[in-house]
Amino acid sequence: MGVSIVGCTSGAPAVPEPGAAGAGGIDAQILAQTADIPVGGGVTVGNVLLVQPAAGTFRAYSIACPHRGARVSPPDNGIITCWEHNSTFAAEDGSRIDGPAAHGLTQVPITVNGTDVLSS
């Protein structure tokens, strides 16, 4: 994919936490290029799942399933799945569809600037 995220050795996440400076500010990081995220699919970058549920619409979610923290997979036919216990979520908004998860995925704020998808 050609995207690099450099983390520190303290165990801190490579992708800024929601609410960190961003939206093109000093601390914003390029997570991916829009062309790297397939329409109807997604890619993981660090601890973030980037999806493009419809052409030109980009969303980002924590890859941690709200049930027990297992990694969720990029969407297939608009559905994001946690393979550990089969919780499913809508790629469009991260809402819970089915499974033991009590709620939807945690949205991560992003900004699209041209072809760059940035943390915000």
C-alpha atoms as a PDB file:
ATOM      1  CA  MET A   1       0.000   0.000   0.000  1.00  0.00           C
ATOM      2  CA  GLY A   2       2.945   2.336   0.483  1.00  0.00           C
ATOM      3  CA  VAL A   3       1.705   3.886   3.734  1.00  0.00           C
ATOM      4  CA  SER A   4       4.063   4.032   6.711  1.00  0.00           C
ATOM      5  CA  ILE A   5       3.103   4.820  10.253  1.00  0.00           C
ATOM      6  CA  VAL A   6       5.973   5.215  12.691  1.00  0.00           C
ATOM      7  CA  GLY A   7       5.215   4.554  16.354  1.00  0.00           C
ATOM      8  CA  CYS A   8       7.282   5.276  19.382  1.00  0.00           C
ATOM      9  CA  THR A   9       8.825   2.537  21.482  1.00  0.00           C
ATOM     10  CA  SER A  10       6.702   3.363  24.524  1.00  0.00           C
ATOM     11  CA  GLY A  11       3.823   1.256  23.194  1.00  0.00           C
ATOM     12  CA  ALA A  12       1.761   4.314  22.293  1.00  0.00           C
ATOM     13  CA  PRO A  13      -0.524   3.828  19.298  1.00  0.00           C
ATOM     14  CA  ALA A  14       0.928   4.791  15.926  1.00  0.00           C
ATOM     15  CA  VAL A  15      -2.277   6.619  14.961  1.00  0.00           C
ATOM     16  CA  PRO A  16      -3.267   9.665  17.025  1.00  0.00           C
ATOM     17  CA  GLU A  17      -6.120   9.190  19.445  1.00  0.00           C
ATOM     18  CA  PRO A  18      -9.464  10.786  18.553  1.00  0.00           C
ATOM     19  CA  GLY A  19      -9.416  14.427  19.583  1.00  0.00           C
ATOM     20  CA  ALA A  20      -5.686  14.899  18.932  1.00  0.00           C
ATOM     21  CA  ALA A  21      -4.662  17.858  16.786  1.00  0.00           C
ATOM     22  CA  GLY A  22      -5.274  17.202  13.128  1.00  0.00           C
ATOM     23  CA  ALA A  23      -7.493  18.194  10.227  1.00  0.00           C
ATOM     24  CA  GLY A  24      -4.403  19.297   8.382  1.00  0.00           C
ATOM     25  CA  GLY A  25      -2.776  20.702  11.523  1.00  0.00           C
ATOM     26  CA  ILE A  26       0.764  20.034  12.676  1.00  0.00           C
ATOM     27  CA  ASP A  27      -0.061  16.646  14.216  1.00  0.00           C
ATOM     28  CA  ALA A  28      -2.178  15.309  11.320  1.00  0.00           C
ATOM     29  CA  GLN A  29      -0.779  12.167   9.720  1.00  0.00           C
ATOM     30  CA  ILE A  30      -1.457  10.774   6.279  1.00  0.00           C
ATOM     31  CA  LEU A  31      -3.062   7.395   6.899  1.00  0.00           C
ATOM     32  CA  ALA A  32      -3.635   6.374   3.275  1.00  0.00           C
ATOM     33  CA  GLN A  33      -4.389   7.583  -0.201  1.00  0.00           C
ATOM     34  CA  THR A  34      -8.015   7.490  -1.318  1.00  0.00           C
ATOM     35  CA  ALA A  35      -7.055   5.116  -4.155  1.00  0.00           C
ATOM     36  CA  ASP A  36      -5.752   2.618  -1.561  1.00  0.00           C
ATOM     37  CA  ILE A  37      -9.241   2.146  -0.087  1.00  0.00           C
ATOM     38  CA  PRO A  38     -11.479   0.095  -2.397  1.00  0.00           C
ATOM     39  CA  VAL A  39     -15.104   1.133  -2.905  1.00  0.00           C
ATOM     40  CA  GLY A  40     -17.158  -1.249  -0.769  1.00  0.00           C
ATOM     41  CA  GLY A  41     -14.053  -2.379   1.089  1.00  0.00           C
ATOM     42  CA  GLY A  42     -11.397  -1.123   3.402  1.00  0.00           C
ATOM     43  CA  VAL A  43      -7.845  -1.338   4.713  1.00  0.00           C
ATOM     44  CA  THR A  44      -6.321  -1.374   8.164  1.00  0.00           C
ATOM     45  CA  VAL A  45      -3.634   1.136   9.086  1.00  0.00           C
ATOM     46  CA  GLY A  46      -2.254   0.736  12.579  1.00  0.00           C
ATOM     47  CA  ASN A  47      -5.259   0.474  14.871  1.00  0.00           C
ATOM     48  CA  VAL A  48      -7.689   2.044  12.388  1.00  0.00           C
ATOM     49  CA  LEU A  49      -9.972   0.494   9.770  1.00  0.00           C
ATOM     50  CA  LEU A  50     -10.480   2.870   6.822  1.00  0.00           C
ATOM     51  CA  VAL A  51     -13.523   2.107   4.657  1.00  0.00           C
ATOM     52  CA  GLN A  52     -15.148   3.522   1.544  1.00  0.00           C
ATOM     53  CA  PRO A  53     -18.759   2.281   1.736  1.00  0.00           C
ATOM     54  CA  ALA A  54     -19.748   4.297  -1.360  1.00  0.00           C
ATOM     55  CA  ALA A  55     -17.607   6.035  -3.971  1.00  0.00           C
ATOM     56  CA  GLY A  56     -16.106   9.159  -2.410  1.00  0.00           C
ATOM     57  CA  THR A  57     -17.403   8.446   1.123  1.00  0.00           C
ATOM     58  CA  PHE A  58     -14.698   7.603   3.649  1.00  0.00           C
ATOM     59  CA  ARG A  59     -15.090   6.487   7.260  1.00  0.00           C
ATOM     60  CA  ALA A  60     -12.654   5.282   9.913  1.00  0.00           C
ATOM     61  CA  TYR A  61     -13.245   3.015  12.900  1.00  0.00           C
ATOM     62  CA  SER A  62     -11.170   1.489  15.651  1.00  0.00           C
ATOM     63  CA  ILE A  63     -10.246  -2.045  14.610  1.00  0.00           C
ATOM     64  CA  ALA A  64     -11.092  -3.246  18.132  1.00  0.00           C
ATOM     65  CA  CYS A  65     -14.441  -5.001  18.367  1.00  0.00           C
ATOM     66  CA  PRO A  66     -16.435  -3.492  21.235  1.00  0.00           C
ATOM     67  CA  HIS A  67     -17.251  -6.996  22.497  1.00  0.00           C
ATOM     68  CA  ARG A  68     -13.788  -8.200  23.536  1.00  0.00           C
ATOM     69  CA  GLY A  69     -11.310  -6.118  21.559  1.00  0.00           C
ATOM     70  CA  ALA A  70     -10.488  -8.591  18.775  1.00  0.00           C
ATOM     71  CA  ARG A  71      -9.574  -7.115  15.383  1.00  0.00           C
ATOM     72  CA  VAL A  72     -12.391  -6.583  12.939  1.00  0.00           C
ATOM     73  CA  SER A  73     -11.869  -7.264   9.250  1.00  0.00           C
ATOM     74  CA  PRO A  74     -12.387  -4.906   6.302  1.00  0.00           C
ATOM     75  CA  PRO A  75     -15.949  -4.969   4.995  1.00  0.00           C
ATOM     76  CA  ASP A  76     -17.352  -7.547   2.628  1.00  0.00           C
ATOM     77  CA  ASN A  77     -20.621  -6.514   0.947  1.00  0.00           C
ATOM     78  CA  GLY A  78     -20.899  -3.558   3.320  1.00  0.00           C
ATOM     79  CA  ILE A  79     -20.480  -5.637   6.474  1.00  0.00           C
ATOM     80  CA  ILE A  80     -17.515  -5.485   8.859  1.00  0.00           C
ATOM     81  CA  THR A  81     -17.052  -8.723  10.815  1.00  0.00           C
ATOM     82  CA  CYS A  82     -15.278  -9.648  14.000  1.00  0.00           C
ATOM     83  CA  TRP A  83     -14.309 -13.234  13.333  1.00  0.00           C
ATOM     84  CA  GLU A  84     -13.729 -14.063  16.999  1.00  0.00           C
ATOM     85  CA  HIS A  85     -17.426 -14.116  17.949  1.00  0.00           C
ATOM     86  CA  ASN A  86     -19.117 -13.077  14.667  1.00  0.00           C
ATOM     87  CA  SER A  87     -20.299  -9.616  15.656  1.00  0.00           C
ATOM     88  CA  THR A  88     -21.161  -7.667  12.506  1.00  0.00           C
ATOM     89  CA  PHE A  89     -21.255  -3.939  11.829  1.00  0.00           C
ATOM     90  CA  ALA A  90     -22.420  -1.666   8.981  1.00  0.00           C
ATOM     91  CA  ALA A  91     -19.534  -0.162   7.001  1.00  0.00           C
ATOM     92  CA  GLU A  92     -21.586   2.990   6.360  1.00  0.00           C
ATOM     93  CA  ASP A  93     -21.771   4.105  10.005  1.00  0.00           C
ATOM     94  CA  GLY A  94     -20.173   1.388  12.174  1.00  0.00           C
ATOM     95  CA  SER A  95     -23.495   0.497  13.782  1.00  0.00           C
ATOM     96  CA  ARG A  96     -23.998  -2.954  15.275  1.00  0.00           C
ATOM     97  CA  ILE A  97     -25.920  -5.370  13.064  1.00  0.00           C
ATOM     98  CA  ASP A  98     -25.683  -8.630  15.007  1.00  0.00           C
ATOM     99  CA  GLY A  99     -23.618 -10.645  17.462  1.00  0.00           C
ATOM    100  CA  PRO A 100     -22.526 -10.323  21.066  1.00  0.00           C
ATOM    101  CA  ALA A 101     -21.148  -6.767  20.746  1.00  0.00           C
ATOM    102  CA  ALA A 102     -23.412  -4.443  22.730  1.00  0.00           C
ATOM    103  CA  HIS A 103     -22.852  -1.428  20.452  1.00  0.00           C
ATOM    104  CA  GLY A 104     -21.252  -0.316  17.197  1.00  0.00           C
ATOM    105  CA  LEU A 105     -17.639   0.364  16.337  1.00  0.00           C
ATOM    106  CA  THR A 106     -15.879   3.440  17.668  1.00  0.00           C
ATOM    107  CA  GLN A 107     -15.580   6.043  14.936  1.00  0.00           C
ATOM    108  CA  VAL A 108     -12.167   7.642  14.440  1.00  0.00           C
ATOM    109  CA  PRO A 109     -12.158  11.190  13.012  1.00  0.00           C
ATOM    110  CA  ILE A 110     -10.474  11.612   9.638  1.00  0.00           C
ATOM    111  CA  THR A 111     -10.227  14.302   6.998  1.00  0.00           C
ATOM    112  CA  VAL A 112      -9.889  13.808   3.260  1.00  0.00           C
ATOM    113  CA  ASN A 113      -7.697  16.453   1.631  1.00  0.00           C
ATOM    114  CA  GLY A 114      -7.381  15.815  -2.093  1.00  0.00           C
ATOM    115  CA  THR A 115      -6.194  12.220  -2.306  1.00  0.00           C
ATOM    116  CA  ASP A 116      -4.818  12.116   1.275  1.00  0.00           C
ATOM    117  CA  VAL A 117      -6.782  10.522   4.096  1.00  0.00           C
ATOM    118  CA  LEU A 118      -5.551  12.237   7.271  1.00  0.00           C
ATOM    119  CA  SER A 119      -5.994  11.633  10.957  1.00  0.00           C
ATOM    120  CA  SER A 120      -7.903  14.538  12.464  1.00  0.00           C
END
